[in-house]
Amino acid sequence: MQFSKLWYLQRFNLFQEFTRAELLAAARIMNLETLERHDQVFQVGEPAGHAYLLKEGRVKIYRRGRLGRRVTLAILKPGEIFGELALAAGEVHEQG
């Protein structure tokens, strides 16, 4: 599994300047997960404990409007990262 993680990390722009040793260290602490359509990754107000790298598929970032409707803030594609801002600040997620 380590090789698979390393292979994916090498394809993200965020890690292009990492040395092999740094990539291996990152691969050791990361988890690969498969989610189904409509699975929620996190909810507003949850403590931020992870950053997420999108390998394939799409992720919709949205917030509920005043009337309870979903307001789409972004649709992420493979190679993008999300959840990192709240993680860096040690805060909670403000967008779902």
Protein backbone atom coordinates (compact mmCIF):
# COMPACT_ATOMS: atom_id res chain seq x y z
CA MET A 1 0.00 0.00 0.00
CA GLN A 2 2.93 2.35 0.67
CA PHE A 3 3.86 2.38 -3.04
CA SER A 4 0.28 3.27 -4.00
CA LYS A 5 0.21 6.19 -1.56
CA LEU A 6 3.59 7.43 -2.77
CA TRP A 7 2.46 7.24 -6.40
CA TYR A 8 -0.60 9.40 -5.67
CA LEU A 9 1.32 11.94 -3.61
CA GLN A 10 3.77 12.44 -6.46
CA ARG A 11 0.88 13.49 -8.70
CA PHE A 12 -0.35 16.34 -6.49
CA ASN A 13 1.17 19.75 -7.20
CA LEU A 14 1.34 20.40 -3.48
CA PHE A 15 4.03 17.74 -3.11
CA GLN A 16 6.13 18.47 -6.22
CA GLU A 17 8.98 20.01 -4.21
CA PHE A 18 9.07 17.25 -1.58
CA THR A 19 12.09 14.97 -1.40
CA ARG A 20 11.54 11.21 -1.60
CA ALA A 21 12.09 10.95 2.17
CA GLU A 22 9.44 13.63 2.79
CA LEU A 23 7.00 11.87 0.46
CA LEU A 24 7.55 8.58 2.28
CA ALA A 25 6.94 10.28 5.63
CA ALA A 26 3.68 11.77 4.32
CA ALA A 27 2.61 8.40 2.87
CA ARG A 28 3.11 6.73 6.26
CA ILE A 29 0.60 9.01 7.97
CA MET A 30 -2.04 9.20 5.24
CA ASN A 31 -5.10 7.00 4.75
CA LEU A 32 -6.69 6.08 1.43
CA GLU A 33 -10.47 5.95 1.59
CA THR A 34 -13.15 5.25 -0.97
CA LEU A 35 -16.42 7.08 -0.56
CA GLU A 36 -19.74 6.53 -2.26
CA ARG A 37 -21.78 9.21 -3.98
CA HIS A 38 -23.43 11.54 -1.42
CA ASP A 39 -21.18 10.42 1.47
CA GLN A 40 -20.29 13.34 3.71
CA VAL A 41 -16.63 13.90 4.49
CA PHE A 42 -17.25 16.38 7.30
CA GLN A 43 -19.97 18.67 8.62
CA VAL A 44 -19.97 22.31 9.64
CA GLY A 45 -18.87 22.70 13.25
CA GLU A 46 -16.83 19.49 13.44
CA PRO A 47 -13.26 19.85 14.68
CA ALA A 48 -10.82 19.89 11.78
CA GLY A 49 -8.54 16.89 12.11
CA HIS A 50 -7.58 16.15 8.52
CA ALA A 51 -6.81 17.68 5.17
CA TYR A 52 -8.18 15.81 2.16
CA LEU A 53 -6.59 15.15 -1.23
CA LEU A 54 -9.01 14.21 -3.98
CA LYS A 55 -7.68 11.31 -6.04
CA GLU A 56 -10.65 10.83 -8.37
CA GLY A 57 -14.26 11.86 -8.73
CA ARG A 58 -15.71 15.16 -7.56
CA VAL A 59 -16.46 16.73 -4.19
CA LYS A 60 -19.08 19.42 -3.72
CA ILE A 61 -18.43 21.98 -1.00
CA TYR A 62 -21.66 23.60 0.10
CA ARG A 63 -23.33 25.53 2.87
CA ARG A 64 -26.98 25.64 3.86
CA GLY A 65 -28.66 28.94 3.10
CA ARG A 66 -31.11 30.74 5.36
CA LEU A 67 -34.03 28.78 3.95
CA GLY A 68 -32.26 25.43 4.30
CA ARG A 69 -31.27 25.13 0.64
CA ARG A 70 -27.81 24.00 -0.36
CA VAL A 71 -25.62 26.76 -1.76
CA THR A 72 -22.72 25.27 -3.72
CA LEU A 73 -19.44 27.03 -2.96
CA ALA A 74 -17.13 24.85 -5.04
CA ILE A 75 -16.95 21.61 -7.00
CA LEU A 76 -13.51 20.06 -6.61
CA LYS A 77 -11.79 17.84 -9.15
CA PRO A 78 -9.00 15.26 -8.82
CA GLY A 79 -5.73 16.77 -7.66
CA GLU A 80 -7.35 19.35 -5.38
CA ILE A 81 -7.06 19.62 -1.61
CA PHE A 82 -9.73 20.68 0.87
CA GLY A 83 -10.19 21.00 4.64
CA GLU A 84 -6.66 22.33 5.02
CA LEU A 85 -7.54 25.85 6.15
CA ALA A 86 -9.43 24.81 9.26
CA LEU A 87 -6.77 22.20 10.00
CA ALA A 88 -3.96 24.75 9.82
CA ALA A 89 -5.82 27.10 12.14
CA GLY A 90 -6.81 24.32 14.55
CA GLU A 91 -10.46 25.27 14.15
CA VAL A 92 -13.74 23.71 13.12
CA HIS A 93 -15.09 23.27 9.60
CA GLU A 94 -17.14 26.24 8.45
CA GLN A 95 -18.26 24.71 5.15
CA GLY A 96 -19.66 21.25 4.47
